[in-house]
């Protein structure tokens, strides 16, 4: 009887874990957006991307965190798309 209780507990844990995993795998669309909500200016955005890509490299690999921090200093944020806004993917 004790073994059955453990199996049921593990079963519940597995179902909960699967539900959390599926919920985390949403298909949210992400894109670079301006922090002030205005449309991106292609030239300014390309320049910011170029500068931040150079800055993001640590050794032989780029750092996502450093890229996001650099872009934030330049007025851009990587965020979920909630409506059409003229962002850059």
PDB file of N, CA and C in Angstrom:
ATOM      1  N   UNK A   1       0.817  -1.191   0.000  1.00  0.00           N
ATOM      2  CA  UNK A   1       0.000   0.000   0.000  1.00  0.00           C
ATOM      3  C   UNK A   1       0.865   1.262   0.000  1.00  0.00           C
ATOM      4  N   UNK A   2       1.974   1.239   0.742  1.00  0.00           N
ATOM      5  CA  UNK A   2       2.878   2.386   0.802  1.00  0.00           C
ATOM      6  C   UNK A   2       3.502   2.641  -0.567  1.00  0.00           C
ATOM      7  N   UNK A   3       3.847   1.573  -1.288  1.00  0.00           N
ATOM      8  CA  UNK A   3       4.452   1.705  -2.607  1.00  0.00           C
ATOM      9  C   UNK A   3       3.489   2.364  -3.576  1.00  0.00           C
ATOM     10  N   UNK A   4       2.209   2.022  -3.484  1.00  0.00           N
ATOM     11  CA  UNK A   4       1.202   2.622  -4.362  1.00  0.00           C
ATOM     12  C   UNK A   4       1.098   4.122  -4.098  1.00  0.00           C
ATOM     13  N   UNK A   5       1.181   4.518  -2.835  1.00  0.00           N
ATOM     14  CA  UNK A   5       1.141   5.940  -2.483  1.00  0.00           C
ATOM     15  C   UNK A   5       2.315   6.694  -3.082  1.00  0.00           C
ATOM     16  N   UNK A   6       3.496   6.091  -3.048  1.00  0.00           N
ATOM     17  CA  UNK A   6       4.679   6.733  -3.641  1.00  0.00           C
ATOM     18  C   UNK A   6       4.537   6.861  -5.149  1.00  0.00           C
ATOM     19  N   UNK A   7       3.998   5.815  -5.783  1.00  0.00           N
ATOM     20  CA  UNK A   7       3.803   5.849  -7.237  1.00  0.00           C
ATOM     21  C   UNK A   7       2.826   6.949  -7.611  1.00  0.00           C
ATOM     22  N   UNK A   8       1.738   7.072  -6.859  1.00  0.00           N
ATOM     23  CA  UNK A   8       0.742   8.116  -7.136  1.00  0.00           C
ATOM     24  C   UNK A   8       1.343   9.509  -6.929  1.00  0.00           C
ATOM     25  N   UNK A   9       2.190   9.654  -5.911  1.00  0.00           N
ATOM     26  CA  UNK A   9       2.837  10.941  -5.657  1.00  0.00           C
ATOM     27  C   UNK A   9       3.765  11.305  -6.816  1.00  0.00           C
ATOM     28  N   UNK A  10       4.541  10.338  -7.293  1.00  0.00           N
ATOM     29  CA  UNK A  10       5.425  10.562  -8.439  1.00  0.00           C
ATOM     30  C   UNK A  10       4.617  10.868  -9.694  1.00  0.00           C
ATOM     31  N   UNK A  11       3.492  10.184  -9.848  1.00  0.00           N
ATOM     32  CA  UNK A  11       2.626  10.408 -11.008  1.00  0.00           C
ATOM     33  C   UNK A  11       2.108  11.857 -11.009  1.00  0.00           C
ATOM     34  N   UNK A  12       1.651  12.324  -9.853  1.00  0.00           N
ATOM     35  CA  UNK A  12       1.168  13.706  -9.735  1.00  0.00           C
ATOM     36  C   UNK A  12       2.294  14.695 -10.029  1.00  0.00           C
ATOM     37  N   UNK A  13       3.480  14.402  -9.517  1.00  0.00           N
ATOM     38  CA  UNK A  13       4.630  15.265  -9.754  1.00  0.00           C
ATOM     39  C   UNK A  13       4.966  15.328 -11.248  1.00  0.00           C
ATOM     40  N   UNK A  14       4.905  14.185 -11.926  1.00  0.00           N
ATOM     41  CA  UNK A  14       5.199  14.137 -13.358  1.00  0.00           C
ATOM     42  C   UNK A  14       4.178  14.942 -14.152  1.00  0.00           C
ATOM     43  N   UNK A  15       2.910  14.838 -13.789  1.00  0.00           N
ATOM     44  CA  UNK A  15       1.863  15.591 -14.494  1.00  0.00           C
ATOM     45  C   UNK A  15       2.045  17.090 -14.277  1.00  0.00           C
ATOM     46  N   UNK A  16       2.342  17.488 -13.050  1.00  0.00           N
ATOM     47  CA  UNK A  16       2.572  18.900 -12.750  1.00  0.00           C
ATOM     48  C   UNK A  16       3.783  19.424 -13.520  1.00  0.00           C
ATOM     49  N   UNK A  17       4.862  18.648 -13.551  1.00  0.00           N
ATOM     50  CA  UNK A  17       6.058  19.047 -14.290  1.00  0.00           C
ATOM     51  C   UNK A  17       5.782  19.200 -15.774  1.00  0.00           C
ATOM     52  N   UNK A  18       5.011  18.279 -16.343  1.00  0.00           N
ATOM     53  CA  UNK A  18       4.672  18.355 -17.766  1.00  0.00           C
ATOM     54  C   UNK A  18       3.821  19.591 -18.055  1.00  0.00           C
ATOM     55  N   UNK A  19       2.883  19.894 -17.173  1.00  0.00           N
ATOM     56  CA  UNK A  19       2.031  21.070 -17.357  1.00  0.00           C
ATOM     57  C   UNK A  19       2.858  22.355 -17.311  1.00  0.00           C
ATOM     58  N   UNK A  20       3.788  22.438 -16.379  1.00  0.00           N
ATOM     59  CA  UNK A  20       4.651  23.616 -16.289  1.00  0.00           C
ATOM     60  C   UNK A  20       5.543  23.745 -17.516  1.00  0.00           C
ATOM     61  N   UNK A  21       6.059  22.609 -17.998  1.00  0.00           N
ATOM     62  CA  UNK A  21       6.920  22.632 -19.180  1.00  0.00           C
ATOM     63  C   UNK A  21       6.153  23.112 -20.400  1.00  0.00           C
ATOM     64  N   UNK A  22       4.954  22.606 -20.614  1.00  0.00           N
ATOM     65  CA  UNK A  22       4.150  23.001 -21.768  1.00  0.00           C
ATOM     66  C   UNK A  22       3.780  24.475 -21.666  1.00  0.00           C
ATOM     67  N   UNK A  23       3.466  24.940 -20.470  1.00  0.00           N
ATOM     68  CA  UNK A  23       3.132  26.345 -20.284  1.00  0.00           C
ATOM     69  C   UNK A  23       4.304  27.263 -20.561  1.00  0.00           C
ATOM     70  N   UNK A  24       5.505  26.806 -20.287  1.00  0.00           N
ATOM     71  CA  UNK A  24       6.698  27.624 -20.517  1.00  0.00           C
ATOM     72  C   UNK A  24       7.085  27.664 -21.987  1.00  0.00           C
ATOM     73  N   UNK A  25       6.605  26.736 -22.763  1.00  0.00           N
ATOM     74  CA  UNK A  25       6.940  26.667 -24.188  1.00  0.00           C
ATOM     75  C   UNK A  25       5.914  27.408 -25.023  1.00  0.00           C
ATOM     76  N   UNK A  26       5.572  28.602 -24.635  1.00  0.00           N
ATOM     77  CA  UNK A  26       4.594  29.367 -25.397  1.00  0.00           C
ATOM     78  C   UNK A  26       5.233  29.866 -26.681  1.00  0.00           C
ATOM     79  N   UNK A  27       4.411  30.264 -27.603  1.00  0.00           N
ATOM     80  CA  UNK A  27       4.909  30.731 -28.899  1.00  0.00           C
ATOM     81  C   UNK A  27       4.907  32.250 -28.952  1.00  0.00           C
ATOM     82  N   UNK A  28       5.295  32.877 -27.872  1.00  0.00           N
ATOM     83  CA  UNK A  28       5.345  34.339 -27.829  1.00  0.00           C
ATOM     84  C   UNK A  28       6.363  34.831 -28.842  1.00  0.00           C
ATOM     85  N   UNK A  29       5.982  35.832 -29.584  1.00  0.00           N
ATOM     86  CA  UNK A  29       6.856  36.418 -30.589  1.00  0.00           C
ATOM     87  C   UNK A  29       7.650  37.549 -29.939  1.00  0.00           C
ATOM     88  N   UNK A  30       8.971  37.487 -30.072  1.00  0.00           N
ATOM     89  CA  UNK A  30       9.843  38.476 -29.450  1.00  0.00           C
ATOM     90  C   UNK A  30      10.494  39.330 -30.540  1.00  0.00           C
ATOM     91  N   UNK A  31      10.778  40.589 -30.225  1.00  0.00           N
ATOM     92  CA  UNK A  31      11.431  41.483 -31.180  1.00  0.00           C
ATOM     93  C   UNK A  31      12.054  42.652 -30.420  1.00  0.00           C
ATOM     94  N   UNK A  32      13.004  43.327 -31.078  1.00  0.00           N
ATOM     95  CA  UNK A  32      13.583  44.544 -30.507  1.00  0.00           C
ATOM     96  C   UNK A  32      12.558  45.654 -30.658  1.00  0.00           C
ATOM     97  N   UNK A  33      12.375  46.420 -29.592  1.00  0.00           N
ATOM     98  CA  UNK A  33      11.440  47.540 -29.590  1.00  0.00           C
ATOM     99  C   UNK A  33      12.099  48.738 -28.932  1.00  0.00           C
ATOM    100  N   UNK A  34      11.631  49.912 -29.298  1.00  0.00           N
ATOM    101  CA  UNK A  34      12.130  51.114 -28.634  1.00  0.00           C
ATOM    102  C   UNK A  34      11.507  51.220 -27.257  1.00  0.00           C
ATOM    103  N   UNK A  35      12.274  51.714 -26.302  1.00  0.00           N
ATOM    104  CA  UNK A  35      11.752  51.841 -24.938  1.00  0.00           C
ATOM    105  C   UNK A  35      10.699  52.938 -24.833  1.00  0.00           C
ATOM    106  N   UNK A  36      10.714  53.905 -25.760  1.00  0.00           N
ATOM    107  CA  UNK A  36       9.720  54.975 -25.717  1.00  0.00           C
ATOM    108  C   UNK A  36       8.465  54.639 -26.530  1.00  0.00           C
ATOM    109  N   UNK A  37       8.431  53.437 -27.154  1.00  0.00           N
ATOM    110  CA  UNK A  37       7.246  52.986 -27.873  1.00  0.00           C
ATOM    111  C   UNK A  37       7.125  53.467 -29.312  1.00  0.00           C
ATOM    112  N   UNK A  38       8.015  54.342 -29.754  1.00  0.00           N
ATOM    113  CA  UNK A  38       7.938  54.828 -31.133  1.00  0.00           C
ATOM    114  C   UNK A  38       8.497  53.796 -32.096  1.00  0.00           C
ATOM    115  N   UNK A  39       8.277  54.028 -33.408  1.00  0.00           N
ATOM    116  CA  UNK A  39       8.800  53.122 -34.419  1.00  0.00           C
ATOM    117  C   UNK A  39      10.314  53.212 -34.501  1.00  0.00           C
ATOM    118  N   UNK A  40      10.928  52.092 -34.921  1.00  0.00           N
ATOM    119  CA  UNK A  40      12.379  52.050 -35.079  1.00  0.00           C
ATOM    120  C   UNK A  40      12.800  52.817 -36.317  1.00  0.00           C
ATOM    121  N   UNK A  41      13.892  53.514 -36.225  1.00  0.00           N
ATOM    122  CA  UNK A  41      14.525  54.132 -37.382  1.00  0.00           C
ATOM    123  C   UNK A  41      15.600  53.149 -37.829  1.00  0.00           C
ATOM    124  N   UNK A  42      15.486  52.635 -39.048  1.00  0.00           N
ATOM    125  CA  UNK A  42      16.354  51.546 -39.518  1.00  0.00           C
ATOM    126  C   UNK A  42      17.840  51.866 -39.370  1.00  0.00           C
ATOM    127  N   UNK A  43      18.259  53.051 -39.753  1.00  0.00           N
ATOM    128  CA  UNK A  43      19.671  53.418 -39.686  1.00  0.00           C
ATOM    129  C   UNK A  43      20.195  53.471 -38.260  1.00  0.00           C
ATOM    130  N   UNK A  44      19.444  54.091 -37.379  1.00  0.00           N
ATOM    131  CA  UNK A  44      19.857  54.191 -35.973  1.00  0.00           C
ATOM    132  C   UNK A  44      19.898  52.814 -35.328  1.00  0.00           C
ATOM    133  N   UNK A  45      18.890  51.987 -35.660  1.00  0.00           N
ATOM    134  CA  UNK A  45      18.841  50.645 -35.083  1.00  0.00           C
ATOM    135  C   UNK A  45      20.020  49.803 -35.551  1.00  0.00           C
ATOM    136  N   UNK A  46      20.322  49.838 -36.845  1.00  0.00           N
ATOM    137  CA  UNK A  46      21.459  49.058 -37.373  1.00  0.00           C
ATOM    138  C   UNK A  46      22.766  49.486 -36.723  1.00  0.00           C
ATOM    139  N   UNK A  47      22.943  50.784 -36.518  1.00  0.00           N
ATOM    140  CA  UNK A  47      24.161  51.274 -35.869  1.00  0.00           C
ATOM    141  C   UNK A  47      24.247  50.751 -34.429  1.00  0.00           C
ATOM    142  N   UNK A  48      23.136  50.830 -33.696  1.00  0.00           N
ATOM    143  CA  UNK A  48      23.116  50.343 -32.314  1.00  0.00           C
ATOM    144  C   UNK A  48      23.421  48.845 -32.278  1.00  0.00           C
ATOM    145  N   UNK A  49      22.834  48.073 -33.183  1.00  0.00           N
ATOM    146  CA  UNK A  49      23.089  46.628 -33.235  1.00  0.00           C
ATOM    147  C   UNK A  49      24.562  46.349 -33.499  1.00  0.00           C
ATOM    148  N   UNK A  50      25.158  47.078 -34.430  1.00  0.00           N
ATOM    149  CA  UNK A  50      26.571  46.871 -34.766  1.00  0.00           C
ATOM    150  C   UNK A  50      27.460  47.132 -33.550  1.00  0.00           C
ATOM    151  N   UNK A  51      27.249  48.263 -32.905  1.00  0.00           N
ATOM    152  CA  UNK A  51      28.057  48.636 -31.741  1.00  0.00           C
ATOM    153  C   UNK A  51      27.868  47.612 -30.613  1.00  0.00           C
ATOM    154  N   UNK A  52      26.622  47.225 -30.356  1.00  0.00           N
ATOM    155  CA  UNK A  52      26.350  46.308 -29.238  1.00  0.00           C
ATOM    156  C   UNK A  52      26.830  44.887 -29.523  1.00  0.00           C
ATOM    157  N   UNK A  53      26.784  44.461 -30.768  1.00  0.00           N
ATOM    158  CA  UNK A  53      27.322  43.138 -31.102  1.00  0.00           C
ATOM    159  C   UNK A  53      28.815  43.088 -30.822  1.00  0.00           C
ATOM    160  N   UNK A  54      29.514  44.150 -31.173  1.00  0.00           N
ATOM    161  CA  UNK A  54      30.950  44.222 -30.897  1.00  0.00           C
ATOM    162  C   UNK A  54      31.200  44.178 -29.382  1.00  0.00           C
ATOM    163  N   UNK A  55      30.373  44.890 -28.638  1.00  0.00           N
ATOM    164  CA  UNK A  55      30.527  44.989 -27.184  1.00  0.00           C
ATOM    165  C   UNK A  55      30.154  43.686 -26.473  1.00  0.00           C
ATOM    166  N   UNK A  56      29.249  42.901 -27.064  1.00  0.00           N
ATOM    167  CA  UNK A  56      28.709  41.712 -26.399  1.00  0.00           C
ATOM    168  C   UNK A  56      29.679  40.537 -26.363  1.00  0.00           C
ATOM    169  N   UNK A  57      30.705  40.538 -27.194  1.00  0.00           N
ATOM    170  CA  UNK A  57      31.620  39.386 -27.232  1.00  0.00           C
ATOM    171  C   UNK A  57      32.481  39.307 -25.986  1.00  0.00           C
ATOM    172  N   UNK A  58      32.486  38.121 -25.390  1.00  0.00           N
ATOM    173  CA  UNK A  58      33.330  37.825 -24.235  1.00  0.00           C
ATOM    174  C   UNK A  58      34.116  36.578 -24.629  1.00  0.00           C
ATOM    175  N   UNK A  59      35.397  36.740 -24.889  1.00  0.00           N
ATOM    176  CA  UNK A  59      36.193  35.609 -25.364  1.00  0.00           C
ATOM    177  C   UNK A  59      35.754  35.219 -26.770  1.00  0.00           C
ATOM    178  N   UNK A  60      35.333  33.961 -26.922  1.00  0.00           N
ATOM    179  CA  UNK A  60      34.917  33.475 -28.234  1.00  0.00           C
ATOM    180  C   UNK A  60      33.411  33.357 -28.384  1.00  0.00           C
ATOM    181  N   UNK A  61      32.636  33.794 -27.396  1.00  0.00           N
ATOM    182  CA  UNK A  61      31.190  33.657 -27.444  1.00  0.00           C
ATOM    183  C   UNK A  61      30.507  34.979 -27.109  1.00  0.00           C
ATOM    184  N   UNK A  62      29.393  35.272 -27.794  1.00  0.00           N
ATOM    185  CA  UNK A  62      28.654  36.489 -27.459  1.00  0.00           C
ATOM    186  C   UNK A  62      27.840  36.288 -26.179  1.00  0.00           C
ATOM    187  N   UNK A  63      27.679  37.344 -25.422  1.00  0.00           N
ATOM    188  CA  UNK A  63      26.898  37.307 -24.192  1.00  0.00           C
ATOM    189  C   UNK A  63      25.540  37.966 -24.453  1.00  0.00           C
ATOM    190  N   UNK A  64      24.478  37.200 -24.296  1.00  0.00           N
ATOM    191  CA  UNK A  64      23.130  37.736 -24.499  1.00  0.00           C
ATOM    192  C   UNK A  64      22.854  38.847 -23.496  1.00  0.00           C
ATOM    193  N   UNK A  65      23.275  38.659 -22.267  1.00  0.00           N
ATOM    194  CA  UNK A  65      23.033  39.664 -21.230  1.00  0.00           C
ATOM    195  C   UNK A  65      23.734  40.980 -21.569  1.00  0.00           C
ATOM    196  N   UNK A  66      24.980  40.914 -22.011  1.00  0.00           N
ATOM    197  CA  UNK A  66      25.704  42.136 -22.373  1.00  0.00           C
ATOM    198  C   UNK A  66      25.055  42.824 -23.568  1.00  0.00           C
ATOM    199  N   UNK A  67      24.539  42.026 -24.526  1.00  0.00           N
ATOM    200  CA  UNK A  67      23.860  42.594 -25.693  1.00  0.00           C
ATOM    201  C   UNK A  67      22.610  43.345 -25.252  1.00  0.00           C
ATOM    202  N   UNK A  68      21.810  42.733 -24.396  1.00  0.00           N
ATOM    203  CA  UNK A  68      20.574  43.371 -23.936  1.00  0.00           C
ATOM    204  C   UNK A  68      20.866  44.634 -23.128  1.00  0.00           C
ATOM    205  N   UNK A  69      21.914  44.618 -22.304  1.00  0.00           N
ATOM    206  CA  UNK A  69      22.268  45.795 -21.513  1.00  0.00           C
ATOM    207  C   UNK A  69      22.723  46.932 -22.413  1.00  0.00           C
ATOM    208  N   UNK A  70      23.534  46.621 -23.399  1.00  0.00           N
ATOM    209  CA  UNK A  70      24.022  47.639 -24.334  1.00  0.00           C
ATOM    210  C   UNK A  70      22.864  48.253 -25.123  1.00  0.00           C
ATOM    211  N   UNK A  71      21.980  47.397 -25.619  1.00  0.00           N
ATOM    212  CA  UNK A  71      20.841  47.898 -26.391  1.00  0.00           C
ATOM    213  C   UNK A  71      19.922  48.743 -25.513  1.00  0.00           C
ATOM    214  N   UNK A  72      19.756  48.359 -24.245  1.00  0.00           N
ATOM    215  CA  UNK A  72      18.920  49.141 -23.329  1.00  0.00           C
ATOM    216  C   UNK A  72      19.502  50.536 -23.137  1.00  0.00           C
ATOM    217  N   UNK A  73      20.836  50.635 -23.046  1.00  0.00           N
ATOM    218  CA  UNK A  73      21.479  51.951 -22.916  1.00  0.00           C
ATOM    219  C   UNK A  73      21.229  52.808 -24.151  1.00  0.00           C
ATOM    220  N   UNK A  74      21.003  52.169 -25.293  1.00  0.00           N
ATOM    221  CA  UNK A  74      20.751  52.896 -26.541  1.00  0.00           C
ATOM    222  C   UNK A  74      19.259  53.085 -26.812  1.00  0.00           C
ATOM    223  N   UNK A  75      18.394  52.617 -25.890  1.00  0.00           N
ATOM    224  CA  UNK A  75      16.963  52.869 -26.008  1.00  0.00           C
ATOM    225  C   UNK A  75      16.158  51.750 -26.639  1.00  0.00           C
ATOM    226  N   UNK A  76      16.689  50.522 -26.645  1.00  0.00           N
ATOM    227  CA  UNK A  76      15.976  49.384 -27.232  1.00  0.00           C
ATOM    228  C   UNK A  76      15.840  48.272 -26.202  1.00  0.00           C
ATOM    229  N   UNK A  77      14.754  47.515 -26.309  1.00  0.00           N
ATOM    230  CA  UNK A  77      14.512  46.408 -25.394  1.00  0.00           C
ATOM    231  C   UNK A  77      14.023  45.204 -26.197  1.00  0.00           C
ATOM    232  N   UNK A  78      14.456  43.994 -25.783  1.00  0.00           N
ATOM    233  CA  UNK A  78      14.019  42.741 -26.389  1.00  0.00           C
ATOM    234  C   UNK A  78      12.784  42.316 -25.620  1.00  0.00           C
ATOM    235  N   UNK A  79      11.609  42.373 -26.251  1.00  0.00           N
ATOM    236  CA  UNK A  79      10.373  42.110 -25.524  1.00  0.00           C
ATOM    237  C   UNK A  79       9.356  41.403 -26.403  1.00  0.00           C
ATOM    238  N   UNK A  80       8.333  40.883 -25.742  1.00  0.00           N
ATOM    239  CA  UNK A  80       7.258  40.183 -26.434  1.00  0.00           C
ATOM    240  C   UNK A  80       6.437  41.178 -27.253  1.00  0.00           C
ATOM    241  N   UNK A  81       6.092  40.766 -28.459  1.00  0.00           N
ATOM    242  CA  UNK A  81       5.279  41.599 -29.343  1.00  0.00           C
ATOM    243  C   UNK A  81       3.833  41.474 -28.904  1.00  0.00           C
ATOM    244  N   UNK A  82       3.208  42.581 -28.578  1.00  0.00           N
ATOM    245  CA  UNK A  82       1.807  42.550 -28.159  1.00  0.00           C
ATOM    246  C   UNK A  82       0.878  43.052 -29.261  1.00  0.00           C
ATOM    247  N   UNK A  83       1.394  43.845 -30.182  1.00  0.00           N
ATOM    248  CA  UNK A  83       0.606  44.332 -31.318  1.00  0.00           C
ATOM    249  C   UNK A  83       1.591  44.837 -32.361  1.00  0.00           C
ATOM    250  N   UNK A  84       1.078  45.255 -33.514  1.00  0.00           N
ATOM    251  CA  UNK A  84       1.991  45.776 -34.534  1.00  0.00           C
ATOM    252  C   UNK A  84       2.545  47.112 -34.062  1.00  0.00           C
ATOM    253  N   UNK A  85       3.832  47.246 -34.112  1.00  0.00           N
ATOM    254  CA  UNK A  85       4.471  48.466 -33.596  1.00  0.00           C
ATOM    255  C   UNK A  85       5.617  48.911 -34.474  1.00  0.00           C
ATOM    256  N   UNK A  86       5.980  48.148 -35.488  1.00  0.00           N
ATOM    257  CA  UNK A  86       7.092  48.515 -36.344  1.00  0.00           C
ATOM    258  C   UNK A  86       8.426  48.115 -35.752  1.00  0.00           C
ATOM    259  N   UNK A  87       8.481  47.063 -34.974  1.00  0.00           N
ATOM    260  CA  UNK A  87       9.723  46.590 -34.358  1.00  0.00           C
ATOM    261  C   UNK A  87      10.617  45.855 -35.326  1.00  0.00           C
ATOM    262  N   UNK A  88      11.700  45.308 -34.834  1.00  0.00           N
ATOM    263  CA  UNK A  88      12.679  44.610 -35.661  1.00  0.00           C
ATOM    264  C   UNK A  88      12.928  43.231 -35.059  1.00  0.00           C
ATOM    265  N   UNK A  89      12.778  42.204 -35.908  1.00  0.00           N
ATOM    266  CA  UNK A  89      12.919  40.823 -35.436  1.00  0.00           C
ATOM    267  C   UNK A  89      14.349  40.369 -35.504  1.00  0.00           C
TER     268      UNK A  89
END
